[in-house]
C-alpha atoms as a PDB file:
ATOM      1  CA  MET A   1     -18.608  23.662  25.374  1.00  0.00           C
ATOM      2  CA  TYR A   2     -20.322  24.690  28.591  1.00  0.00           C
ATOM      3  CA  LYS A   3     -19.118  26.828  31.464  1.00  0.00           C
ATOM      4  CA  THR A   4     -20.614  27.471  34.902  1.00  0.00           C
ATOM      5  CA  VAL A   5     -20.155  30.538  37.070  1.00  0.00           C
ATOM      6  CA  GLU A   6     -21.077  30.831  40.730  1.00  0.00           C
ATOM      7  CA  ILE A   7     -22.568  34.132  41.859  1.00  0.00           C
ATOM      8  CA  GLY A   8     -21.858  34.817  45.523  1.00  0.00           C
ATOM      9  CA  TYR A   9     -24.268  35.643  48.334  1.00  0.00           C
ATOM     10  CA  HIS A  10     -26.796  38.373  47.442  1.00  0.00           C
ATOM     11  CA  PRO A  11     -29.854  38.322  49.740  1.00  0.00           C
ATOM     12  CA  LYS A  12     -31.685  41.137  47.891  1.00  0.00           C
ATOM     13  CA  ALA A  13     -33.303  40.311  44.529  1.00  0.00           C
ATOM     14  CA  GLY A  14     -32.153  43.534  42.877  1.00  0.00           C
ATOM     15  CA  ASP A  15     -28.540  42.919  43.872  1.00  0.00           C
ATOM     16  CA  MET A  16     -28.742  39.312  42.636  1.00  0.00           C
ATOM     17  CA  ALA A  17     -30.232  40.423  39.306  1.00  0.00           C
ATOM     18  CA  ALA A  18     -27.443  42.956  38.829  1.00  0.00           C
ATOM     19  CA  ALA A  19     -24.772  40.346  39.661  1.00  0.00           C
ATOM     20  CA  ILE A  20     -26.273  37.850  37.194  1.00  0.00           C
ATOM     21  CA  GLU A  21     -26.444  40.557  34.519  1.00  0.00           C
ATOM     22  CA  ARG A  22     -22.768  41.446  35.065  1.00  0.00           C
ATOM     23  CA  ALA A  23     -21.794  37.774  34.816  1.00  0.00           C
ATOM     24  CA  ALA A  24     -23.891  37.329  31.654  1.00  0.00           C
ATOM     25  CA  ASN A  25     -22.244  40.343  30.023  1.00  0.00           C
ATOM     26  CA  GLU A  26     -18.762  39.103  30.967  1.00  0.00           C
ATOM     27  CA  LEU A  27     -19.574  35.664  29.551  1.00  0.00           C
ATOM     28  CA  ALA A  28     -20.910  37.228  26.337  1.00  0.00           C
ATOM     29  CA  ALA A  29     -17.657  39.152  25.946  1.00  0.00           C
ATOM     30  CA  GLN A  30     -15.842  35.785  26.144  1.00  0.00           C
ATOM     31  CA  GLY A  31     -18.060  34.284  23.421  1.00  0.00           C
ATOM     32  CA  TYR A  32     -20.538  32.474  25.670  1.00  0.00           C
ATOM     33  CA  ARG A  33     -24.339  32.612  25.674  1.00  0.00           C
ATOM     34  CA  VAL A  34     -26.235  32.146  28.948  1.00  0.00           C
ATOM     35  CA  VAL A  35     -28.394  29.040  28.701  1.00  0.00           C
ATOM     36  CA  SER A  36     -29.842  28.956  32.208  1.00  0.00           C
ATOM     37  CA  PHE A  37     -29.321  30.039  35.772  1.00  0.00           C
ATOM     38  CA  SER A  38     -30.569  28.935  39.150  1.00  0.00           C
ATOM     39  CA  VAL A  39     -30.783  30.824  42.433  1.00  0.00           C
ATOM     40  CA  THR A  40     -30.139  28.617  45.457  1.00  0.00           C
ATOM     41  CA  GLY A  41     -31.799  28.753  48.850  1.00  0.00           C
ATOM     42  CA  SER A  42     -28.580  30.189  50.262  1.00  0.00           C
ATOM     43  CA  ALA A  43     -28.961  33.349  48.104  1.00  0.00           C
ATOM     44  CA  LYS A  44     -26.266  32.280  45.655  1.00  0.00           C
ATOM     45  CA  ALA A  45     -26.701  31.574  41.947  1.00  0.00           C
ATOM     46  CA  ILE A  46     -25.227  29.284  39.325  1.00  0.00           C
ATOM     47  CA  VAL A  47     -25.108  30.478  35.719  1.00  0.00           C
ATOM     48  CA  LEU A  48     -24.766  27.953  32.878  1.00  0.00           C
ATOM     49  CA  ALA A  49     -23.393  29.246  29.576  1.00  0.00           C
ATOM     50  CA  GLU A  50     -22.572  27.681  26.213  1.00  0.00           C
ATOM     51  CA  LYS A  51     -19.733  28.652  23.871  1.00  0.00           C
ATOM     52  CA  GLU A  52     -21.218  30.313  20.777  1.00  0.00           C
ATOM     53  CA  SER A  53     -18.404  29.587  18.321  1.00  0.00           C
ATOM     54  CA  ASP A  54     -18.538  26.655  15.912  1.00  0.00           C
ATOM     55  CA  ASP A  55     -15.375  25.351  17.599  1.00  0.00           C
ATOM     56  CA  ALA A  56     -17.525  24.058  20.455  1.00  0.00           C
ATOM     57  CA  HIS A  57     -19.270  21.498  18.227  1.00  0.00           C
ATOM     58  CA  SER A  58     -16.900  18.739  17.290  1.00  0.00           C
ATOM     59  CA  GLU A  59     -17.406  16.721  14.135  1.00  0.00           C
ATOM     60  CA  GLU A  60     -16.234  13.584  15.957  1.00  0.00           C
ATOM     61  CA  ALA A  61     -18.827  10.981  16.891  1.00  0.00           C
ATOM     62  CA  ILE A  62     -19.252  10.272  20.588  1.00  0.00           C
ATOM     63  CA  ASP A  63     -20.037   6.689  21.605  1.00  0.00           C
ATOM     64  CA  HIS A  64     -22.536   6.665  24.508  1.00  0.00           C
ATOM     65  CA  GLU A  65     -22.529   2.875  25.063  1.00  0.00           C
END
């Protein structure tokens, strides 16, 4: 299972890094692992995280047709 988090406006790189780190630590406490993040041109960021537990991977087959 994936989750995204939006990081608000932070025009300074150091402030953005600290905000992403806080979000990553909060996600880790919830059982997520940060997979990727992207900083937008508007000085916002989007963090993509994946649930670490085995519950996130279903045994059911998914038909992609």
